[in-house]
Amino acid sequence: PKGFVIIGRSHGMSEDLSKKLKWRNITFGDRMQILTYDDLLNRAINI
C-alpha cells in the first residue's frame, strides 16, 4: 500500500518550506506522501 500523512495547514508556510515539503515527497516516492489539509482540499478541487 501507499501511505499518506495528513498534517497541519499550508497557509503561513513560506515558499522555501513549501519547496522542502515538495522535495520530501519526491524522496519518499510512491510509497508515502505528506499532505496538509489544504493540500488535500486543493487536490480534490483540481480533480
All heavy atoms as atom14 arrays in JSON, in Angstrom:
{
  "sequence": "PKGFVIIGRSHGMSEDLSKKLKWRNITFGDRMQILTYDDLLNRAINI",
  "atom14_mask": [
    [1, 1, 1, 1, 1, 1, 1, 0, 0, 0, 0, 0, 0, 0],
    [1, 1, 1, 1, 1, 1, 1, 1, 1, 0, 0, 0, 0, 0],
    [1, 1, 1, 1, 0, 0, 0, 0, 0, 0, 0, 0, 0, 0],
    [1, 1, 1, 1, 1, 1, 1, 1, 1, 1, 1, 0, 0, 0],
    [1, 1, 1, 1, 1, 1, 1, 0, 0, 0, 0, 0, 0, 0],
    [1, 1, 1, 1, 1, 1, 1, 1, 0, 0, 0, 0, 0, 0],
    [1, 1, 1, 1, 1, 1, 1, 1, 0, 0, 0, 0, 0, 0],
    [1, 1, 1, 1, 0, 0, 0, 0, 0, 0, 0, 0, 0, 0],
    [1, 1, 1, 1, 1, 1, 1, 1, 1, 1, 1, 0, 0, 0],
    [1, 1, 1, 1, 1, 1, 0, 0, 0, 0, 0, 0, 0, 0],
    [1, 1, 1, 1, 1, 1, 1, 1, 1, 1, 0, 0, 0, 0],
    [1, 1, 1, 1, 0, 0, 0, 0, 0, 0, 0, 0, 0, 0],
    [1, 1, 1, 1, 1, 1, 1, 1, 0, 0, 0, 0, 0, 0],
    [1, 1, 1, 1, 1, 1, 0, 0, 0, 0, 0, 0, 0, 0],
    [1, 1, 1, 1, 1, 1, 1, 1, 1, 0, 0, 0, 0, 0],
    [1, 1, 1, 1, 1, 1, 1, 1, 0, 0, 0, 0, 0, 0],
    [1, 1, 1, 1, 1, 1, 1, 1, 0, 0, 0, 0, 0, 0],
    [1, 1, 1, 1, 1, 1, 0, 0, 0, 0, 0, 0, 0, 0],
    [1, 1, 1, 1, 1, 1, 1, 1, 1, 0, 0, 0, 0, 0],
    [1, 1, 1, 1, 1, 1, 1, 1, 1, 0, 0, 0, 0, 0],
    [1, 1, 1, 1, 1, 1, 1, 1, 0, 0, 0, 0, 0, 0],
    [1, 1, 1, 1, 1, 1, 1, 1, 1, 0, 0, 0, 0, 0],
    [1, 1, 1, 1, 1, 1, 1, 1, 1, 1, 1, 1, 1, 1],
    [1, 1, 1, 1, 1, 1, 1, 1, 1, 1, 1, 0, 0, 0],
    [1, 1, 1, 1, 1, 1, 1, 1, 0, 0, 0, 0, 0, 0],
    [1, 1, 1, 1, 1, 1, 1, 1, 0, 0, 0, 0, 0, 0],
    [1, 1, 1, 1, 1, 1, 1, 0, 0, 0, 0, 0, 0, 0],
    [1, 1, 1, 1, 1, 1, 1, 1, 1, 1, 1, 0, 0, 0],
    [1, 1, 1, 1, 0, 0, 0, 0, 0, 0, 0, 0, 0, 0],
    [1, 1, 1, 1, 1, 1, 1, 1, 0, 0, 0, 0, 0, 0],
    [1, 1, 1, 1, 1, 1, 1, 1, 1, 1, 1, 0, 0, 0],
    [1, 1, 1, 1, 1, 1, 1, 1, 0, 0, 0, 0, 0, 0],
    [1, 1, 1, 1, 1, 1, 1, 1, 1, 0, 0, 0, 0, 0],
    [1, 1, 1, 1, 1, 1, 1, 1, 0, 0, 0, 0, 0, 0],
    [1, 1, 1, 1, 1, 1, 1, 1, 0, 0, 0, 0, 0, 0],
    [1, 1, 1, 1, 1, 1, 1, 0, 0, 0, 0, 0, 0, 0],
    [1, 1, 1, 1, 1, 1, 1, 1, 1, 1, 1, 1, 0, 0],
    [1, 1, 1, 1, 1, 1, 1, 1, 0, 0, 0, 0, 0, 0],
    [1, 1, 1, 1, 1, 1, 1, 1, 0, 0, 0, 0, 0, 0],
    [1, 1, 1, 1, 1, 1, 1, 1, 0, 0, 0, 0, 0, 0],
    [1, 1, 1, 1, 1, 1, 1, 1, 0, 0, 0, 0, 0, 0],
    [1, 1, 1, 1, 1, 1, 1, 1, 0, 0, 0, 0, 0, 0],
    [1, 1, 1, 1, 1, 1, 1, 1, 1, 1, 1, 0, 0, 0],
    [1, 1, 1, 1, 1, 0, 0, 0, 0, 0, 0, 0, 0, 0],
    [1, 1, 1, 1, 1, 1, 1, 1, 0, 0, 0, 0, 0, 0],
    [1, 1, 1, 1, 1, 1, 1, 1, 0, 0, 0, 0, 0, 0],
    [1, 1, 1, 1, 1, 1, 1, 1, 0, 0, 0, 0, 0, 0]
  ],
  "atom14_positions": [
    [[0.82, -1.22, 0.0], [0.0, 0.0, 0.0], [0.85, 1.26, 0.0], [2.03, 1.24, 0.33], [-0.78, -0.12, 1.31], [0.12, -0.91, 2.21], [0.78, -1.91, 1.3], [0.0, 0.0, 0.0], [0.0, 0.0, 0.0], [0.0, 0.0, 0.0], [0.0, 0.0, 0.0], [0.0, 0.0, 0.0], [0.0, 0.0, 0.0], [0.0, 0.0, 0.0]],
    [[0.22, 2.36, -0.37], [0.82, 3.68, -0.27], [0.39, 4.29, 1.06], [-0.73, 4.04, 1.53], [0.36, 4.56, -1.42], [0.94, 5.97, -1.42], [0.49, 6.74, -2.66], [1.1, 8.14, -2.68], [0.72, 8.87, -3.92], [0.0, 0.0, 0.0], [0.0, 0.0, 0.0], [0.0, 0.0, 0.0], [0.0, 0.0, 0.0], [0.0, 0.0, 0.0]],
    [[1.26, 5.06, 1.67], [0.93, 5.71, 2.94], [0.76, 7.21, 2.78], [1.49, 7.86, 2.02], [0.0, 0.0, 0.0], [0.0, 0.0, 0.0], [0.0, 0.0, 0.0], [0.0, 0.0, 0.0], [0.0, 0.0, 0.0], [0.0, 0.0, 0.0], [0.0, 0.0, 0.0], [0.0, 0.0, 0.0], [0.0, 0.0, 0.0], [0.0, 0.0, 0.0]],
    [[-0.23, 7.76, 3.48], [-0.46, 9.2, 3.49], [-0.28, 9.73, 4.92], [-0.72, 9.09, 5.88], [-1.88, 9.55, 3.04], [-2.15, 9.32, 1.59], [-2.74, 8.14, 1.15], [-1.82, 10.29, 0.64], [-3.0, 7.93, -0.18], [-2.08, 10.09, -0.71], [-2.66, 8.9, -1.12], [0.0, 0.0, 0.0], [0.0, 0.0, 0.0], [0.0, 0.0, 0.0]],
    [[0.36, 10.89, 5.02], [0.38, 11.64, 6.28], [-0.37, 12.94, 6.02], [0.02, 13.72, 5.14], [1.81, 11.95, 6.75], [1.78, 12.9, 7.95], [2.55, 10.68, 7.11], [0.0, 0.0, 0.0], [0.0, 0.0, 0.0], [0.0, 0.0, 0.0], [0.0, 0.0, 0.0], [0.0, 0.0, 0.0], [0.0, 0.0, 0.0], [0.0, 0.0, 0.0]],
    [[-1.45, 13.16, 6.75], [-2.22, 14.41, 6.63], [-1.98, 15.2, 7.9], [-2.32, 14.75, 9.0], [-3.73, 14.15, 6.44], [-3.97, 13.05, 5.4], [-4.45, 15.42, 6.08], [-3.53, 13.38, 4.02], [0.0, 0.0, 0.0], [0.0, 0.0, 0.0], [0.0, 0.0, 0.0], [0.0, 0.0, 0.0], [0.0, 0.0, 0.0], [0.0, 0.0, 0.0]],
    [[-1.4, 16.39, 7.77], [-0.99, 17.15, 8.96], [-0.94, 18.65, 8.65], [-0.51, 19.06, 7.57], [0.41, 16.68, 9.44], [0.85, 17.45, 10.69], [1.44, 16.77, 8.34], [2.15, 16.93, 11.31], [0.0, 0.0, 0.0], [0.0, 0.0, 0.0], [0.0, 0.0, 0.0], [0.0, 0.0, 0.0], [0.0, 0.0, 0.0], [0.0, 0.0, 0.0]],
    [[-1.4, 19.46, 9.59], [-1.22, 20.9, 9.53], [-1.92, 21.61, 8.38], [-2.73, 21.02, 7.66], [0.0, 0.0, 0.0], [0.0, 0.0, 0.0], [0.0, 0.0, 0.0], [0.0, 0.0, 0.0], [0.0, 0.0, 0.0], [0.0, 0.0, 0.0], [0.0, 0.0, 0.0], [0.0, 0.0, 0.0], [0.0, 0.0, 0.0], [0.0, 0.0, 0.0]],
    [[-1.6, 22.88, 8.22], [-2.17, 23.73, 7.19], [-1.06, 24.34, 6.33], [0.08, 24.47, 6.77], [-3.0, 24.86, 7.81], [-4.11, 24.43, 8.75], [-5.2, 23.67, 8.02], [-5.84, 24.47, 6.99], [-6.87, 25.3, 7.19], [-7.37, 25.41, 8.42], [-7.41, 25.98, 6.2], [0.0, 0.0, 0.0], [0.0, 0.0, 0.0], [0.0, 0.0, 0.0]],
    [[-1.41, 24.75, 5.12], [-0.44, 25.35, 4.21], [-0.31, 26.85, 4.39], [0.74, 27.42, 4.09], [-0.83, 25.07, 2.75], [-0.79, 23.7, 2.48], [0.0, 0.0, 0.0], [0.0, 0.0, 0.0], [0.0, 0.0, 0.0], [0.0, 0.0, 0.0], [0.0, 0.0, 0.0], [0.0, 0.0, 0.0], [0.0, 0.0, 0.0], [0.0, 0.0, 0.0]],
    [[-1.38, 27.49, 4.86], [-1.3, 28.95, 4.99], [-0.26, 29.32, 6.05], [-0.16, 28.69, 7.1], [-2.68, 29.55, 5.33], [-3.23, 29.14, 6.66], [-4.12, 28.13, 6.79], [-3.01, 29.62, 7.91], [-4.44, 27.99, 8.07], [-3.79, 28.87, 8.77], [0.0, 0.0, 0.0], [0.0, 0.0, 0.0], [0.0, 0.0, 0.0], [0.0, 0.0, 0.0]],
    [[0.52, 30.34, 5.75], [1.6, 30.75, 6.65], [2.9, 30.03, 6.38], [3.94, 30.36, 6.95], [0.0, 0.0, 0.0], [0.0, 0.0, 0.0], [0.0, 0.0, 0.0], [0.0, 0.0, 0.0], [0.0, 0.0, 0.0], [0.0, 0.0, 0.0], [0.0, 0.0, 0.0], [0.0, 0.0, 0.0], [0.0, 0.0, 0.0], [0.0, 0.0, 0.0]],
    [[2.87, 29.03, 5.5], [4.08, 28.31, 5.14], [4.82, 29.09, 4.06], [4.24, 29.44, 3.03], [3.75, 26.89, 4.66], [4.98, 26.01, 4.44], [4.54, 24.35, 3.83], [3.73, 23.67, 5.27], [0.0, 0.0, 0.0], [0.0, 0.0, 0.0], [0.0, 0.0, 0.0], [0.0, 0.0, 0.0], [0.0, 0.0, 0.0], [0.0, 0.0, 0.0]],
    [[6.1, 29.38, 4.29], [6.88, 30.16, 3.32], [7.12, 29.35, 2.05], [6.96, 28.13, 2.02], [8.21, 30.56, 3.94], [9.03, 29.41, 4.16], [0.0, 0.0, 0.0], [0.0, 0.0, 0.0], [0.0, 0.0, 0.0], [0.0, 0.0, 0.0], [0.0, 0.0, 0.0], [0.0, 0.0, 0.0], [0.0, 0.0, 0.0], [0.0, 0.0, 0.0]],
    [[7.54, 30.05, 1.02], [7.84, 29.39, -0.26], [8.98, 28.4, -0.09], [8.96, 27.31, -0.69], [8.21, 30.44, -1.31], [8.44, 29.87, -2.69], [8.75, 30.94, -3.72], [8.57, 32.13, -3.42], [9.19, 30.58, -4.83], [0.0, 0.0, 0.0], [0.0, 0.0, 0.0], [0.0, 0.0, 0.0], [0.0, 0.0, 0.0], [0.0, 0.0, 0.0]],
    [[9.95, 28.75, 0.76], [11.09, 27.86, 0.99], [10.64, 26.56, 1.65], [11.07, 25.47, 1.27], [12.12, 28.58, 1.87], [13.36, 27.73, 2.11], [13.94, 27.25, 1.12], [13.73, 27.53, 3.29], [0.0, 0.0, 0.0], [0.0, 0.0, 0.0], [0.0, 0.0, 0.0], [0.0, 0.0, 0.0], [0.0, 0.0, 0.0], [0.0, 0.0, 0.0]],
    [[9.73, 26.67, 2.64], [9.25, 25.47, 3.33], [8.37, 24.63, 2.41], [8.38, 23.4, 2.48], [8.48, 25.86, 4.59], [9.3, 26.49, 5.72], [8.41, 26.81, 6.92], [10.44, 25.57, 6.15], [0.0, 0.0, 0.0], [0.0, 0.0, 0.0], [0.0, 0.0, 0.0], [0.0, 0.0, 0.0], [0.0, 0.0, 0.0], [0.0, 0.0, 0.0]],
    [[7.61, 25.32, 1.55], [6.79, 24.59, 0.58], [7.67, 23.75, -0.36], [7.33, 22.61, -0.69], [5.93, 25.56, -0.23], [5.01, 26.24, 0.6], [0.0, 0.0, 0.0], [0.0, 0.0, 0.0], [0.0, 0.0, 0.0], [0.0, 0.0, 0.0], [0.0, 0.0, 0.0], [0.0, 0.0, 0.0], [0.0, 0.0, 0.0], [0.0, 0.0, 0.0]],
    [[8.81, 24.32, -0.76], [9.74, 23.59, -1.62], [10.34, 22.4, -0.87], [10.52, 21.32, -1.44], [10.85, 24.52, -2.11], [10.4, 25.53, -3.15], [11.57, 26.41, -3.59], [11.13, 27.42, -4.65], [12.24, 28.3, -5.05], [0.0, 0.0, 0.0], [0.0, 0.0, 0.0], [0.0, 0.0, 0.0], [0.0, 0.0, 0.0], [0.0, 0.0, 0.0]],
    [[10.64, 22.6, 0.42], [11.18, 21.5, 1.21], [10.2, 20.34, 1.29], [10.58, 19.16, 1.21], [11.53, 21.99, 2.62], [12.8, 22.82, 2.69], [13.18, 23.08, 4.14], [14.53, 23.79, 4.23], [15.0, 23.95, 5.62], [0.0, 0.0, 0.0], [0.0, 0.0, 0.0], [0.0, 0.0, 0.0], [0.0, 0.0, 0.0], [0.0, 0.0, 0.0]],
    [[8.92, 20.68, 1.46], [7.89, 19.64, 1.54], [7.78, 18.91, 0.21], [7.63, 17.68, 0.17], [6.54, 20.25, 1.94], [5.37, 19.28, 2.07], [5.67, 18.2, 3.1], [4.08, 20.02, 2.43], [0.0, 0.0, 0.0], [0.0, 0.0, 0.0], [0.0, 0.0, 0.0], [0.0, 0.0, 0.0], [0.0, 0.0, 0.0], [0.0, 0.0, 0.0]],
    [[7.89, 19.68, -0.89], [7.82, 19.07, -2.22], [8.95, 18.06, -2.41], [8.74, 16.93, -2.87], [7.9, 20.16, -3.28], [7.91, 19.63, -4.7], [8.03, 20.78, -5.71], [8.11, 20.24, -7.14], [8.25, 21.36, -8.12], [0.0, 0.0, 0.0], [0.0, 0.0, 0.0], [0.0, 0.0, 0.0], [0.0, 0.0, 0.0], [0.0, 0.0, 0.0]],
    [[10.18, 18.45, -2.05], [11.33, 17.55, -2.21], [11.25, 16.37, -1.25], [11.71, 15.27, -1.54], [12.64, 18.31, -2.02], [13.0, 19.11, -3.24], [12.93, 20.47, -3.4], [13.46, 18.58, -4.49], [13.31, 20.82, -4.66], [13.65, 19.68, -5.35], [13.73, 17.3, -4.97], [14.09, 19.54, -6.66], [14.16, 17.15, -6.27], [14.34, 18.25, -7.11]],
    [[10.63, 16.6, -0.09], [10.46, 15.5, 0.86], [9.55, 14.43, 0.26], [9.8, 13.23, 0.4], [9.87, 16.05, 2.17], [10.04, 15.15, 3.37], [9.66, 15.87, 4.65], [9.97, 15.06, 5.81], [11.15, 14.99, 6.38], [12.16, 15.7, 5.88], [11.35, 14.22, 7.44], [0.0, 0.0, 0.0], [0.0, 0.0, 0.0], [0.0, 0.0, 0.0]],
    [[8.49, 14.87, -0.4], [7.58, 13.92, -1.04], [8.25, 13.21, -2.21], [8.02, 12.01, -2.42], [6.32, 14.66, -1.53], [5.3, 14.86, -0.43], [5.07, 13.97, 0.38], [4.68, 16.03, -0.38], [0.0, 0.0, 0.0], [0.0, 0.0, 0.0], [0.0, 0.0, 0.0], [0.0, 0.0, 0.0], [0.0, 0.0, 0.0], [0.0, 0.0, 0.0]],
    [[9.11, 13.92, -2.95], [9.84, 13.29, -4.05], [10.76, 12.2, -3.51], [10.89, 11.11, -4.09], [10.65, 14.35, -4.84], [9.7, 15.27, -5.6], [11.64, 13.68, -5.8], [10.39, 16.43, -6.29], [0.0, 0.0, 0.0], [0.0, 0.0, 0.0], [0.0, 0.0, 0.0], [0.0, 0.0, 0.0], [0.0, 0.0, 0.0], [0.0, 0.0, 0.0]],
    [[11.37, 12.46, -2.36], [12.29, 11.49, -1.74], [11.55, 10.21, -1.35], [12.06, 9.1, -1.55], [12.95, 12.1, -0.49], [13.65, 13.29, -0.87], [13.92, 11.11, 0.14], [0.0, 0.0, 0.0], [0.0, 0.0, 0.0], [0.0, 0.0, 0.0], [0.0, 0.0, 0.0], [0.0, 0.0, 0.0], [0.0, 0.0, 0.0], [0.0, 0.0, 0.0]],
    [[10.34, 10.35, -0.81], [9.58, 9.16, -0.41], [9.01, 8.42, -1.62], [8.62, 7.25, -1.52], [8.44, 9.55, 0.54], [8.88, 9.83, 1.94], [8.67, 11.07, 2.53], [9.51, 8.84, 2.69], [9.07, 11.33, 3.83], [9.91, 9.09, 4.0], [9.7, 10.34, 4.56], [0.0, 0.0, 0.0], [0.0, 0.0, 0.0], [0.0, 0.0, 0.0]],
    [[8.93, 9.08, -2.75], [8.46, 8.42, -3.97], [7.0, 8.01, -3.88], [6.16, 8.73, -3.31], [0.0, 0.0, 0.0], [0.0, 0.0, 0.0], [0.0, 0.0, 0.0], [0.0, 0.0, 0.0], [0.0, 0.0, 0.0], [0.0, 0.0, 0.0], [0.0, 0.0, 0.0], [0.0, 0.0, 0.0], [0.0, 0.0, 0.0], [0.0, 0.0, 0.0]],
    [[6.68, 6.84, -4.43], [5.29, 6.38, -4.48], [4.84, 5.69, -3.2], [3.68, 5.29, -3.1], [5.11, 5.41, -5.65], [5.27, 6.11, -6.99], [5.0, 7.32, -7.05], [5.66, 5.44, -7.96], [0.0, 0.0, 0.0], [0.0, 0.0, 0.0], [0.0, 0.0, 0.0], [0.0, 0.0, 0.0], [0.0, 0.0, 0.0], [0.0, 0.0, 0.0]],
    [[5.76, 5.52, -2.25], [5.39, 4.77, -1.04], [4.71, 5.64, 0.01], [3.92, 5.15, 0.81], [6.63, 4.09, -0.42], [7.25, 3.03, -1.28], [6.22, 2.02, -1.8], [5.39, 1.41, -0.79], [5.71, 0.31, -0.14], [6.86, -0.31, -0.39], [4.91, -0.2, 0.75], [0.0, 0.0, 0.0], [0.0, 0.0, 0.0], [0.0, 0.0, 0.0]],
    [[5.0, 6.95, 0.06], [4.4, 7.79, 1.08], [4.3, 9.23, 0.57], [5.17, 9.7, -0.16], [5.2, 7.75, 2.37], [4.55, 8.57, 3.5], [5.18, 8.14, 5.14], [6.89, 8.65, 5.0], [0.0, 0.0, 0.0], [0.0, 0.0, 0.0], [0.0, 0.0, 0.0], [0.0, 0.0, 0.0], [0.0, 0.0, 0.0], [0.0, 0.0, 0.0]],
    [[3.23, 9.91, 0.98], [3.04, 11.3, 0.6], [2.56, 12.09, 1.81], [1.68, 11.65, 2.54], [2.02, 11.41, -0.54], [1.93, 12.81, -1.13], [1.1, 12.84, -2.4], [0.31, 11.94, -2.68], [1.27, 13.89, -3.2], [0.0, 0.0, 0.0], [0.0, 0.0, 0.0], [0.0, 0.0, 0.0], [0.0, 0.0, 0.0], [0.0, 0.0, 0.0]],
    [[3.18, 13.26, 2.01], [2.8, 14.15, 3.11], [1.95, 15.27, 2.53], [2.38, 15.97, 1.6], [4.02, 14.74, 3.84], [4.87, 13.63, 4.44], [3.58, 15.7, 4.93], [6.06, 13.26, 3.61], [0.0, 0.0, 0.0], [0.0, 0.0, 0.0], [0.0, 0.0, 0.0], [0.0, 0.0, 0.0], [0.0, 0.0, 0.0], [0.0, 0.0, 0.0]],
    [[0.76, 15.44, 3.07], [-0.15, 16.48, 2.61], [-0.66, 17.29, 3.79], [-0.95, 16.73, 4.86], [-1.36, 15.86, 1.9], [-1.11, 15.05, 0.63], [-2.39, 14.34, 0.2], [-0.61, 15.94, -0.49], [0.0, 0.0, 0.0], [0.0, 0.0, 0.0], [0.0, 0.0, 0.0], [0.0, 0.0, 0.0], [0.0, 0.0, 0.0], [0.0, 0.0, 0.0]],
    [[-0.78, 18.61, 3.6], [-1.51, 19.4, 4.58], [-3.0, 19.23, 4.28], [-3.39, 18.73, 3.21], [-1.14, 20.89, 4.49], [-1.59, 21.4, 3.22], [0.37, 21.09, 4.62], [0.0, 0.0, 0.0], [0.0, 0.0, 0.0], [0.0, 0.0, 0.0], [0.0, 0.0, 0.0], [0.0, 0.0, 0.0], [0.0, 0.0, 0.0], [0.0, 0.0, 0.0]],
    [[-3.84, 19.67, 5.2], [-5.28, 19.58, 4.96], [-5.68, 20.47, 3.78], [-6.61, 20.15, 3.03], [-6.05, 19.95, 6.22], [-6.02, 18.85, 7.27], [-4.98, 18.76, 8.19], [-7.01, 17.87, 7.31], [-4.93, 17.74, 9.13], [-6.98, 16.85, 8.24], [-5.94, 16.79, 9.15], [-5.89, 15.76, 10.07], [0.0, 0.0, 0.0], [0.0, 0.0, 0.0]],
    [[-4.98, 21.59, 3.61], [-5.24, 22.46, 2.46], [-4.83, 21.76, 1.16], [-5.52, 21.89, 0.14], [-4.47, 23.78, 2.6], [-4.89, 24.55, 3.83], [-6.05, 24.98, 3.89], [-4.07, 24.69, 4.75], [0.0, 0.0, 0.0], [0.0, 0.0, 0.0], [0.0, 0.0, 0.0], [0.0, 0.0, 0.0], [0.0, 0.0, 0.0], [0.0, 0.0, 0.0]],
    [[-3.71, 21.04, 1.19], [-3.28, 20.28, 0.01], [-4.34, 19.27, -0.4], [-4.65, 19.11, -1.58], [-1.96, 19.54, 0.29], [-0.79, 20.48, 0.46], [-0.85, 21.59, -0.07], [0.18, 20.09, 1.15], [0.0, 0.0, 0.0], [0.0, 0.0, 0.0], [0.0, 0.0, 0.0], [0.0, 0.0, 0.0], [0.0, 0.0, 0.0], [0.0, 0.0, 0.0]],
    [[-4.88, 18.57, 0.6], [-5.9, 17.56, 0.33], [-7.13, 18.19, -0.31], [-7.68, 17.67, -1.29], [-6.28, 16.84, 1.63], [-7.18, 15.61, 1.5], [-6.52, 14.52, 0.68], [-7.56, 15.09, 2.89], [0.0, 0.0, 0.0], [0.0, 0.0, 0.0], [0.0, 0.0, 0.0], [0.0, 0.0, 0.0], [0.0, 0.0, 0.0], [0.0, 0.0, 0.0]],
    [[-7.55, 19.35, 0.23], [-8.7, 20.06, -0.32], [-8.42, 20.54, -1.74], [-9.25, 20.37, -2.64], [-9.07, 21.24, 0.59], [-10.21, 22.14, 0.09], [-11.51, 21.35, -0.04], [-10.4, 23.33, 1.03], [0.0, 0.0, 0.0], [0.0, 0.0, 0.0], [0.0, 0.0, 0.0], [0.0, 0.0, 0.0], [0.0, 0.0, 0.0], [0.0, 0.0, 0.0]],
    [[-7.24, 21.13, -1.95], [-6.91, 21.66, -3.28], [-6.8, 20.56, -4.32], [-7.17, 20.76, -5.49], [-5.6, 22.46, -3.2], [-5.76, 23.76, -2.43], [-6.85, 24.32, -2.37], [-4.69, 24.24, -1.82], [0.0, 0.0, 0.0], [0.0, 0.0, 0.0], [0.0, 0.0, 0.0], [0.0, 0.0, 0.0], [0.0, 0.0, 0.0], [0.0, 0.0, 0.0]],
    [[-6.29, 19.41, -3.93], [-6.22, 18.27, -4.86], [-7.62, 17.88, -5.31], [-7.86, 17.64, -6.49], [-5.56, 17.06, -4.19], [-4.06, 17.11, -4.11], [-3.43, 15.76, -3.83], [-4.31, 14.75, -3.27], [-4.07, 13.45, -3.29], [-2.96, 13.0, -3.87], [-4.89, 12.57, -2.76], [0.0, 0.0, 0.0], [0.0, 0.0, 0.0], [0.0, 0.0, 0.0]],
    [[-8.56, 17.82, -4.34], [-9.94, 17.44, -4.67], [-10.57, 18.49, -5.59], [-11.29, 18.15, -6.54], [-10.76, 17.29, -3.39], [0.0, 0.0, 0.0], [0.0, 0.0, 0.0], [0.0, 0.0, 0.0], [0.0, 0.0, 0.0], [0.0, 0.0, 0.0], [0.0, 0.0, 0.0], [0.0, 0.0, 0.0], [0.0, 0.0, 0.0], [0.0, 0.0, 0.0]],
    [[-10.3, 19.77, -5.31], [-10.84, 20.85, -6.16], [-10.28, 20.76, -7.58], [-11.02, 20.93, -8.56], [-10.54, 22.23, -5.54], [-11.33, 22.41, -4.23], [-10.88, 23.35, -6.52], [-10.97, 23.66, -3.46], [0.0, 0.0, 0.0], [0.0, 0.0, 0.0], [0.0, 0.0, 0.0], [0.0, 0.0, 0.0], [0.0, 0.0, 0.0], [0.0, 0.0, 0.0]],
    [[-9.0, 20.48, -7.7], [-8.38, 20.35, -9.03], [-9.0, 19.19, -9.81], [-9.24, 19.3, -11.01], [-6.87, 20.15, -8.89], [-6.16, 21.41, -8.43], [-6.67, 22.51, -8.58], [-4.98, 21.25, -7.84], [0.0, 0.0, 0.0], [0.0, 0.0, 0.0], [0.0, 0.0, 0.0], [0.0, 0.0, 0.0], [0.0, 0.0, 0.0], [0.0, 0.0, 0.0]],
    [[-9.23, 18.07, -9.11], [-9.86, 16.92, -9.76], [-11.26, 17.29, -10.23], [-11.67, 16.94, -11.35], [-9.91, 15.71, -8.8], [-8.49, 15.2, -8.51], [-10.77, 14.6, -9.38], [-8.44, 14.14, -7.43], [0.0, 0.0, 0.0], [0.0, 0.0, 0.0], [0.0, 0.0, 0.0], [0.0, 0.0, 0.0], [0.0, 0.0, 0.0], [0.0, 0.0, 0.0]]
  ]
}
